[in-house]
Protein backbone atom coordinates (compact mmCIF):
# COMPACT_ATOMS: atom_id res chain seq x y z
CA MET A 1 36.23 -16.23 -130.01
CA ALA A 2 35.45 -12.57 -129.38
CA ILE A 3 35.45 -9.71 -131.94
CA ASN A 4 35.75 -6.35 -130.53
CA LYS A 5 34.41 -3.67 -132.41
CA ALA A 6 34.55 0.09 -131.94
CA VAL A 7 31.12 1.60 -133.37
CA SER A 8 31.89 4.41 -135.87
CA LYS A 9 29.99 7.47 -136.00
CA PRO A 10 29.46 7.97 -132.15
CA PRO A 11 26.64 10.47 -131.31
CA LYS A 12 27.11 14.08 -131.18
CA SER A 13 23.89 15.53 -129.76
CA HIS A 14 21.93 14.70 -126.69
CA GLY A 15 19.14 13.05 -128.45
CA GLY A 16 21.76 10.69 -129.95
CA LEU A 17 23.47 9.96 -126.38
CA ARG A 18 19.87 9.21 -124.91
CA ASN A 19 18.88 6.75 -127.82
CA THR A 20 22.04 4.74 -127.55
CA ILE A 21 21.64 4.24 -123.78
CA GLU A 22 18.13 3.49 -124.23
CA TYR A 23 18.87 0.93 -126.87
CA VAL A 24 21.82 -0.69 -124.64
CA LEU A 25 19.28 -0.99 -121.79
CA LYS A 26 16.24 -2.53 -123.41
CA ASP A 27 14.72 -5.45 -121.56
CA GLU A 28 14.55 -7.50 -124.28
CA LYS A 29 18.14 -7.34 -124.58
CA VAL A 30 19.19 -7.45 -121.34
CA LYS A 31 17.83 -10.20 -119.29
CA GLU A 32 18.57 -11.40 -115.76
CA GLY A 33 20.05 -8.33 -114.63
CA TYR A 34 23.61 -8.71 -116.67
CA LEU A 35 24.53 -4.97 -116.85
CA GLU A 36 26.72 -2.67 -114.82
CA ILE A 37 27.83 0.89 -114.55
CA THR A 38 31.21 2.45 -113.33
CA GLY A 39 31.94 5.79 -112.04
CA PRO A 40 30.09 8.37 -110.03
CA PHE A 41 26.11 7.28 -110.03
CA SER A 42 23.90 8.13 -107.22
CA GLU A 43 20.66 6.73 -108.69
CA GLN A 44 19.03 3.76 -106.94
CA ASP A 45 18.28 1.83 -110.65
CA ILE A 46 19.72 1.62 -113.57
CA THR A 47 17.50 3.18 -116.25
CA TYR A 48 18.33 4.90 -119.78
CA ASP A 49 17.01 8.06 -117.98
CA SER A 50 19.18 7.87 -114.97
CA VAL A 51 22.24 7.07 -116.70
CA TYR A 52 21.79 9.90 -119.51
CA ARG A 53 21.06 12.75 -116.71
CA THR A 54 23.80 11.65 -114.66
CA TRP A 55 26.30 11.57 -117.51
CA LEU A 56 24.85 14.95 -118.78
CA GLU A 57 25.42 16.79 -115.35
CA GLU A 58 29.03 15.55 -115.62
CA LYS A 59 29.81 17.14 -118.96
CA LYS A 60 28.34 20.34 -117.68
CA ILE A 61 30.36 20.30 -114.62
CA TRP A 62 33.47 20.45 -116.97
CA ASP A 63 31.69 22.56 -119.08
CA LYS A 64 32.29 19.98 -122.27
CA ASP A 65 28.64 19.48 -123.21
CA SER A 66 29.19 19.13 -127.14
CA GLY A 67 30.71 17.01 -129.98
CA ARG A 68 31.16 13.33 -129.13
CA MET A 69 28.69 12.37 -126.52
CA CYS A 70 30.20 8.61 -126.06
CA ALA A 71 32.31 5.87 -127.22
CA HIS A 72 30.75 2.84 -128.23
CA ASN A 73 32.35 -0.63 -128.00
CA VAL A 74 30.84 -4.27 -128.77
CA ILE A 75 32.53 -7.60 -127.67
CA SER A 76 30.92 -10.45 -129.50
CA PHE A 77 31.46 -14.05 -129.11
CA HIS A 78 30.75 -16.70 -131.72
CA LYS A 79 27.43 -18.87 -131.43
CA ASP A 80 29.61 -21.98 -130.54
CA GLU A 81 31.55 -20.35 -127.74
CA PRO A 82 30.95 -22.11 -124.21
CA VAL A 83 30.65 -18.86 -122.43
CA THR A 84 28.31 -17.63 -119.95
CA PRO A 85 26.54 -14.21 -119.51
CA ALA A 86 28.29 -13.67 -116.04
CA GLU A 87 31.76 -14.51 -118.04
CA VAL A 88 30.89 -11.80 -120.54
CA LEU A 89 30.08 -9.37 -117.95
CA GLU A 90 33.23 -9.92 -116.32
CA ILE A 91 35.28 -9.38 -119.58
CA GLY A 92 33.55 -6.31 -120.12
CA ARG A 93 34.50 -5.06 -116.76
CA ILE A 94 38.04 -6.04 -117.06
CA PHE A 95 37.98 -4.03 -120.22
CA VAL A 96 36.45 -1.17 -118.80
CA ASP A 97 38.90 -1.13 -116.10
CA ARG A 98 41.73 -1.33 -118.40
CA PHE A 99 40.94 1.24 -121.21
CA PHE A 100 38.40 3.67 -119.49
CA PRO A 101 39.34 3.76 -115.80
CA ASP A 102 38.30 7.68 -115.49
CA HIS A 103 35.22 7.61 -117.22
CA GLN A 104 31.79 6.56 -116.52
CA SER A 105 30.84 3.57 -118.94
CA LEU A 106 27.72 1.34 -118.86
CA ILE A 107 28.16 -2.50 -119.59
CA ALA A 108 25.37 -4.56 -120.31
CA VAL A 109 25.24 -8.03 -121.89
CA HIS A 110 22.55 -8.91 -124.87
CA GLN A 111 21.08 -12.36 -125.33
CA ASP A 112 18.60 -11.64 -127.77
CA ARG A 113 20.79 -13.17 -130.37
CA ASN A 114 22.01 -16.51 -130.84
CA HIS A 115 25.54 -15.53 -129.60
CA LEU A 116 26.21 -13.47 -126.53
CA HIS A 117 27.73 -9.95 -126.82
CA CYS A 118 28.63 -6.94 -124.42
CA HIS A 119 27.98 -3.45 -125.12
CA ILE A 120 30.09 -1.03 -123.44
CA VAL A 121 29.02 2.95 -123.71
CA THR A 122 31.47 5.36 -122.23
CA ASN A 123 31.10 9.17 -121.25
CA THR A 124 33.44 11.01 -123.57
CA VAL A 125 34.40 13.28 -120.29
CA SER A 126 36.60 12.22 -117.53
CA TYR A 127 35.09 12.51 -114.16
CA MET A 128 38.45 12.89 -112.66
CA ASP A 129 40.09 15.56 -114.92
CA GLY A 130 37.24 16.73 -117.42
CA ARG A 131 39.55 15.46 -120.22
CA LYS A 132 37.80 14.12 -123.57
CA LEU A 133 38.25 10.72 -124.45
CA HIS A 134 40.00 10.05 -127.98
CA GLN A 135 40.79 6.94 -129.60
CA SER A 136 43.36 6.42 -132.30
CA SER A 137 43.62 3.30 -134.36
CA LYS A 138 46.75 2.41 -132.34
CA ASP A 139 44.39 2.56 -129.39
CA LEU A 140 41.83 0.36 -131.13
CA GLU A 141 44.36 -2.30 -132.01
CA LYS A 142 45.55 -2.51 -128.38
CA GLN A 143 42.21 -3.10 -127.68
CA LYS A 144 41.75 -6.01 -129.69
CA VAL A 145 45.09 -7.73 -128.70
CA PHE A 146 43.93 -7.01 -125.11
CA THR A 147 40.68 -8.97 -125.63
CA ASN A 148 42.35 -11.58 -127.40
CA ASN A 149 44.85 -12.15 -124.45
CA LEU A 150 42.11 -12.27 -122.01
CA CYS A 151 40.45 -14.84 -124.00
CA ARG A 152 43.38 -17.03 -123.93
CA GLU A 153 43.51 -16.52 -120.07
CA LYS A 154 39.93 -17.75 -119.83
CA GLY A 155 40.29 -20.72 -122.14
CA LEU A 156 38.40 -19.24 -124.70
CA HIS A 157 38.94 -19.20 -128.38
CA VAL A 158 41.02 -16.71 -130.29
CA ALA A 159 40.28 -15.37 -133.95
CA GLU A 160 42.50 -16.28 -136.22
CA LYS A 161 43.15 -14.67 -139.59
CA GLY A 162 42.17 -16.90 -142.35
CA ARG A 163 40.56 -19.47 -140.31
CA HIS A 164 36.81 -20.42 -138.95
CA PHE A 165 35.85 -20.72 -135.27
CA ASP A 166 36.51 -24.72 -135.68
CA GLY A 167 40.05 -23.44 -136.95
CA SER A 168 39.57 -24.75 -140.41
CA PRO A 169 40.86 -22.60 -143.24
CA ILE A 170 38.69 -19.86 -144.91
CA GLU A 171 38.37 -21.12 -148.75
CA ALA A 172 39.55 -18.50 -151.37
CA GLY A 173 36.53 -16.25 -152.66
CA GLU A 174 34.41 -17.39 -149.64
CA ILE A 175 32.45 -14.42 -148.08
CA ILE A 176 33.52 -13.43 -144.70
CA SER A 177 32.68 -9.98 -144.29
CA TRP A 178 32.02 -9.30 -140.58
CA ASN A 179 29.41 -6.19 -141.94
CA LYS A 180 26.29 -8.09 -141.33
CA ASN A 181 24.26 -6.04 -144.14
CA THR A 182 26.84 -6.59 -146.31
CA TYR A 183 27.14 -10.35 -145.81
CA LYS A 184 23.13 -10.65 -146.17
CA LEU A 185 23.67 -8.69 -149.47
CA LEU A 186 26.27 -10.88 -151.04
CA THR A 187 24.69 -13.85 -149.67
CA ASN A 188 20.96 -13.26 -150.89
CA ASP A 189 20.69 -14.09 -154.52
CA SER A 190 17.47 -12.22 -154.87
CA LYS A 191 19.25 -8.83 -154.53
CA LYS A 192 21.87 -7.37 -156.76
CA SER A 193 24.96 -6.69 -155.23
CA PHE A 194 27.51 -4.65 -157.05
CA LEU A 195 30.44 -5.59 -154.74
CA ALA A 196 29.37 -9.65 -155.60
CA ASP A 197 29.40 -8.88 -159.04
CA CYS A 198 32.64 -7.35 -158.97
CA GLY A 199 34.34 -10.10 -156.82
CA ILE A 200 33.13 -12.83 -159.23
CA ALA A 201 34.40 -10.65 -162.62
CA LEU A 202 37.61 -10.66 -160.63
CA MET A 203 37.73 -14.44 -159.96
CA GLU A 204 37.13 -14.79 -163.49
CA VAL A 205 39.17 -12.40 -165.17
CA ILE A 206 42.80 -12.85 -163.03
CA PRO A 207 43.30 -16.47 -164.15
CA ARG A 208 43.18 -15.56 -167.58
CA SER A 209 45.36 -12.42 -167.53
CA ALA A 210 49.15 -12.60 -168.00
CA SER A 211 49.61 -8.55 -167.78
CA LYS A 212 47.80 -5.49 -166.62
CA GLU A 213 46.83 -4.38 -170.15
CA GLU A 214 45.13 -7.99 -170.08
CA PHE A 215 43.50 -7.72 -166.64
CA ILE A 216 42.12 -4.00 -167.36
CA SER A 217 40.55 -5.66 -170.78
CA GLY A 218 39.13 -8.63 -169.46
CA MET A 219 37.43 -6.62 -166.48
CA ALA A 220 36.02 -4.14 -169.24
CA GLU A 221 34.56 -6.90 -171.04
CA LYS A 222 32.71 -7.83 -167.62
CA GLY A 223 31.60 -4.21 -167.28
CA TRP A 224 33.94 -2.86 -165.01
CA SER A 225 36.59 0.16 -165.67
CA VAL A 226 39.84 -0.32 -163.79
CA LYS A 227 41.35 3.08 -162.19
CA TRP A 228 45.30 1.60 -161.80
CA GLU A 229 47.51 4.58 -161.23
CA ASP A 230 51.40 4.53 -160.08
CA LYS A 231 50.67 7.70 -158.05
CA ARG A 232 47.61 5.89 -155.95
CA LYS A 233 47.93 3.21 -153.44
CA HIS A 234 44.85 1.51 -154.13
CA ILE A 235 42.67 -0.13 -157.38
CA VAL A 236 39.83 1.55 -157.82
CA PHE A 237 36.87 -0.59 -160.01
CA GLU A 238 33.85 1.07 -161.41
CA ASN A 239 30.90 -0.39 -163.27
CA GLU A 240 28.42 1.12 -165.78
CA ASN A 241 26.31 2.46 -163.16
CA GLY A 242 29.05 4.27 -161.64
CA ASP A 243 29.29 2.25 -158.59
CA LYS A 244 32.82 2.02 -157.21
CA VAL A 245 34.80 -0.60 -155.28
CA ARG A 246 38.29 -0.56 -153.77
CA ASP A 247 40.71 -3.22 -153.72
CA SER A 248 40.96 -3.32 -149.87
CA LYS A 249 37.43 -3.59 -149.99
CA ILE A 250 37.16 -6.90 -152.01
CA GLU A 251 40.04 -8.35 -149.83
CA LYS A 252 38.24 -7.93 -146.91
CA THR A 253 34.90 -9.07 -148.39
CA PHE A 254 36.42 -12.48 -150.13
CA ALA A 255 38.84 -14.27 -148.07
CA GLY A 256 42.16 -15.18 -150.23
CA LEU A 257 41.32 -12.91 -153.41
CA LYS A 258 44.32 -10.79 -153.65
CA VAL A 259 43.84 -7.93 -155.79
CA ASN A 260 46.25 -5.25 -154.83
CA LYS A 261 48.98 -4.27 -157.26
CA GLU A 262 51.91 -6.21 -155.71
CA ASP A 263 49.90 -9.57 -155.90
CA LEU A 264 48.36 -8.87 -159.05
CA ILE A 265 51.83 -8.11 -160.68
CA ASN A 266 53.12 -11.41 -159.08
CA GLU A 267 50.11 -13.37 -160.31
CA PHE A 268 50.40 -11.72 -163.81
CA GLU A 269 53.92 -13.27 -164.00
CA ARG A 270 53.15 -16.70 -162.72
CA GLN A 271 50.36 -16.81 -165.69
CA ASN A 272 52.93 -15.55 -168.19
CA GLU A 273 55.30 -17.96 -167.33
CA SER A 274 52.99 -20.76 -167.28
CA ARG A 275 51.50 -19.59 -170.96
CA LEU A 276 54.98 -19.80 -172.33
CA SER A 277 55.70 -22.78 -171.00
CA HIS A 278 52.16 -24.54 -172.54
CA PRO A 279 51.45 -22.42 -175.67
CA ARG A 280 47.53 -21.82 -176.64
CA ALA A 281 45.57 -23.90 -178.87
CA ASP A 282 46.48 -22.89 -182.54
CA GLU A 283 44.46 -23.05 -185.75
CA PHE A 284 44.47 -26.88 -185.57
CA GLY A 285 42.66 -27.11 -182.63
CA ALA A 286 45.53 -28.50 -180.29
CA GLY A 287 47.09 -27.00 -177.39
CA THR A 288 50.59 -28.41 -177.80
CA GLU A 289 52.91 -29.36 -180.59
CA GLU A 290 52.56 -33.14 -180.05
CA CYS A 291 48.88 -32.62 -181.18
CA GLU A 292 49.83 -30.75 -183.95
CA SER A 293 51.79 -33.39 -185.30
CA GLU A 294 49.17 -36.05 -184.65
CA TYR A 295 46.92 -33.83 -186.79
CA PHE A 296 49.59 -33.96 -190.05
CA GLU A 297 50.13 -37.92 -189.20
CA ARG A 298 46.42 -38.22 -189.69
CA TYR A 299 46.35 -36.42 -192.74
CA TYR A 300 49.46 -38.37 -194.30
CA ALA A 301 47.87 -41.63 -193.08
CA GLU A 302 44.37 -40.74 -195.07
CA VAL A 303 46.46 -39.50 -198.17
CA GLU A 304 48.67 -42.59 -198.04
CA SER A 305 45.07 -44.76 -197.91
CA ALA A 306 43.70 -42.78 -200.81
CA ILE A 307 46.75 -43.39 -203.07
CA ALA A 308 46.50 -47.17 -201.84
CA ARG A 309 43.27 -47.55 -203.18
CA ILE A 310 44.29 -45.66 -206.58
CA SER A 311 47.20 -47.85 -206.85
CA GLY A 312 45.43 -51.06 -205.95
CA GLU A 313 47.65 -51.53 -203.09
CA ASP A 314 44.71 -51.59 -200.60
CA SER A 315 43.88 -55.25 -200.07
CA GLY A 316 40.39 -54.08 -199.11
CA ARG A 317 39.71 -53.08 -202.76
CA SER A 318 36.39 -54.14 -204.36
CA ASP A 319 36.03 -56.56 -207.05
CA ILE A 320 34.91 -53.80 -209.18
CA GLN A 321 37.89 -51.65 -208.70
CA ALA A 322 40.23 -54.79 -209.42
CA GLY A 323 38.34 -55.44 -212.76
CA ARG A 324 38.67 -51.73 -213.77
CA GLU A 325 42.29 -52.26 -213.38
CA ALA A 326 42.39 -55.05 -215.26
CA GLU A 327 41.12 -53.71 -217.88
CA GLY A 328 43.72 -51.01 -218.34
CA GLU A 329 41.97 -48.17 -216.52
CA ARG A 330 45.03 -47.40 -214.51
CA THR A 331 47.47 -45.32 -216.62
CA ASP A 332 50.98 -44.09 -216.78
CA ASP A 333 49.76 -40.68 -215.78
CA THR A 334 48.10 -41.83 -212.46
CA ASP A 335 51.15 -43.77 -211.44
CA ALA A 336 53.49 -40.58 -211.85
CA LEU A 337 50.71 -38.46 -209.95
CA ILE A 338 51.04 -41.35 -207.08
CA ARG A 339 54.92 -40.98 -206.94
CA GLU A 340 54.75 -37.07 -206.91
CA VAL A 341 51.93 -37.31 -203.92
CA ARG A 342 54.29 -39.76 -202.11
CA SER A 343 57.49 -37.52 -202.85
CA ASP A 344 55.41 -34.41 -201.53
CA ILE A 345 54.52 -36.13 -198.17
CA SER A 346 58.07 -37.44 -197.80
CA THR A 347 59.42 -33.60 -198.24
CA SER A 348 56.63 -32.53 -196.22
CA ARG A 349 57.37 -34.61 -193.10
CA SER A 350 61.05 -33.68 -193.47
CA ASN A 351 60.41 -29.75 -193.73
CA ARG A 352 57.86 -30.21 -190.68
CA GLY A 353 60.94 -31.28 -188.48
CA ASP A 354 63.06 -28.58 -189.56
CA ILE A 355 59.94 -26.20 -188.95
CA GLY A 356 59.25 -27.68 -185.79
CA MET A 357 62.99 -27.17 -184.52
CA ALA A 358 63.18 -23.71 -185.72
CA GLU A 359 59.51 -22.98 -183.93
CA THR A 360 60.98 -24.45 -180.76
CA GLU A 361 64.14 -22.22 -181.00
CA SER A 362 61.48 -18.94 -181.85
CA ARG A 363 59.14 -19.90 -178.79
CA THR A 364 62.69 -20.09 -176.35
CA ARG A 365 63.82 -16.97 -177.62
CA GLU A 366 60.53 -15.34 -177.34
CA ARG A 367 60.00 -16.49 -173.64
CA GLU A 368 63.59 -15.26 -172.79
CA ARG A 369 62.81 -11.83 -174.12
CA ARG A 370 59.38 -11.51 -172.41
CA LEU A 371 60.96 -12.73 -169.19
CA GLU A 372 63.70 -10.24 -169.23
CA GLU A 373 60.95 -7.57 -170.28
CA GLN A 374 58.95 -8.56 -167.03
CA ARG A 375 62.26 -8.22 -164.97
CA ARG A 376 62.89 -4.81 -166.31
CA ALA A 377 59.48 -3.69 -165.65
CA LYS A 378 59.69 -5.02 -162.14
CA GLU A 379 62.72 -3.21 -161.36
CA GLN A 380 61.28 0.07 -162.79
CA GLU A 381 58.27 -0.38 -160.61
CA ARG A 382 60.48 -0.87 -157.57
CA ALA A 383 62.46 2.05 -158.66
CA ARG A 384 59.48 4.42 -158.87
CA GLU A 385 58.39 3.18 -155.15
CA THR A 386 61.76 3.86 -153.95
CA ARG A 387 61.61 7.67 -155.50
CA LYS A 388 58.01 7.94 -153.94
CA ARG A 389 58.98 7.04 -150.32
CA SER A 390 62.19 9.05 -150.97
CA ARG A 391 59.80 12.00 -151.84
CA GLY A 392 58.06 11.76 -148.82
CA TYR A 393 60.78 11.72 -146.50
CA THR A 394 61.75 15.25 -145.30
CA GLY A 395 64.49 14.26 -143.20
CA PRO A 396 65.15 15.60 -139.48
CA SER A 397 63.77 18.81 -138.46
CA LEU A 398 66.54 21.17 -137.28
């Protein structure tokens, strides 16, 4: 499996160009001579000084000795990929022939890590016509596709989105950042990472949110403010220290954690429907209507038991209680009270049945009302997106 990455912020000075070439050609990195140079090169040995001087001369010939000095690509292979240094060098050579045929390029295979990787440094000035090399995002995407196809042809693995090298799926929330420093920071418990804190907060808040408002409130409790504006594409999270994280950064770092607007709104709808289908625990400490009924039935049973003891119906009453009743301690007033309490219990049970039916109908109406509000909100959101796209379209030029 090969990862093709274009190094950002290429050098714009002679010193930067020289340092880049020197780094790529370090003896402890390039072993057994797995390196190659393309384009005009008359020097006997490939050293950082000879490459630097040759490229500088080419720039001066075309009077383009300023701006970006070079382009820098790295093709990196997984540590378990069965590939040899010679094969890596060949892949680098094919890549250069495809994308930089008219430019001087330095290809070097590094073996100082537990995985093989190939550095490709290219002079931005063409030795054929003097044109400067410019690479767009589309060019970088083409390079990625070309590298994957090249790996397939050679029987190597190809990187698959959402899967590890062995083909197993990446679990939701698993850290997969390709940035070495970011990965180390997130996986090192001894260091404080606001990016990791934000990801953890999101994992805790999202499952408990059934609306945008609940989500923003939940993140605020975790110490994160949420900047969610209709006119902006991305959501921005900011903590109390002023550290900011964009939703796209979270999604790139944590596999399966979807925090863009569309996915969050869909999750809120799902949570809301689930919540309406399963009401939360009420003051009786239960989560469902059945549990509440059980509570009342236990209460009624306790009252009945107390009445039984008072009325002498409890077969387990003591001899003292029986003696007292025989002595006439039980009065007509007691019998009247017992009858009144039993009547109240019967009425309460009957009323609870009526109340239960009314509550069920009320919950059904409330569920339908909320779903209707969600549908309207979603339609309004889509209408806003359509209007925004319409405003951005100016029509064909005449």
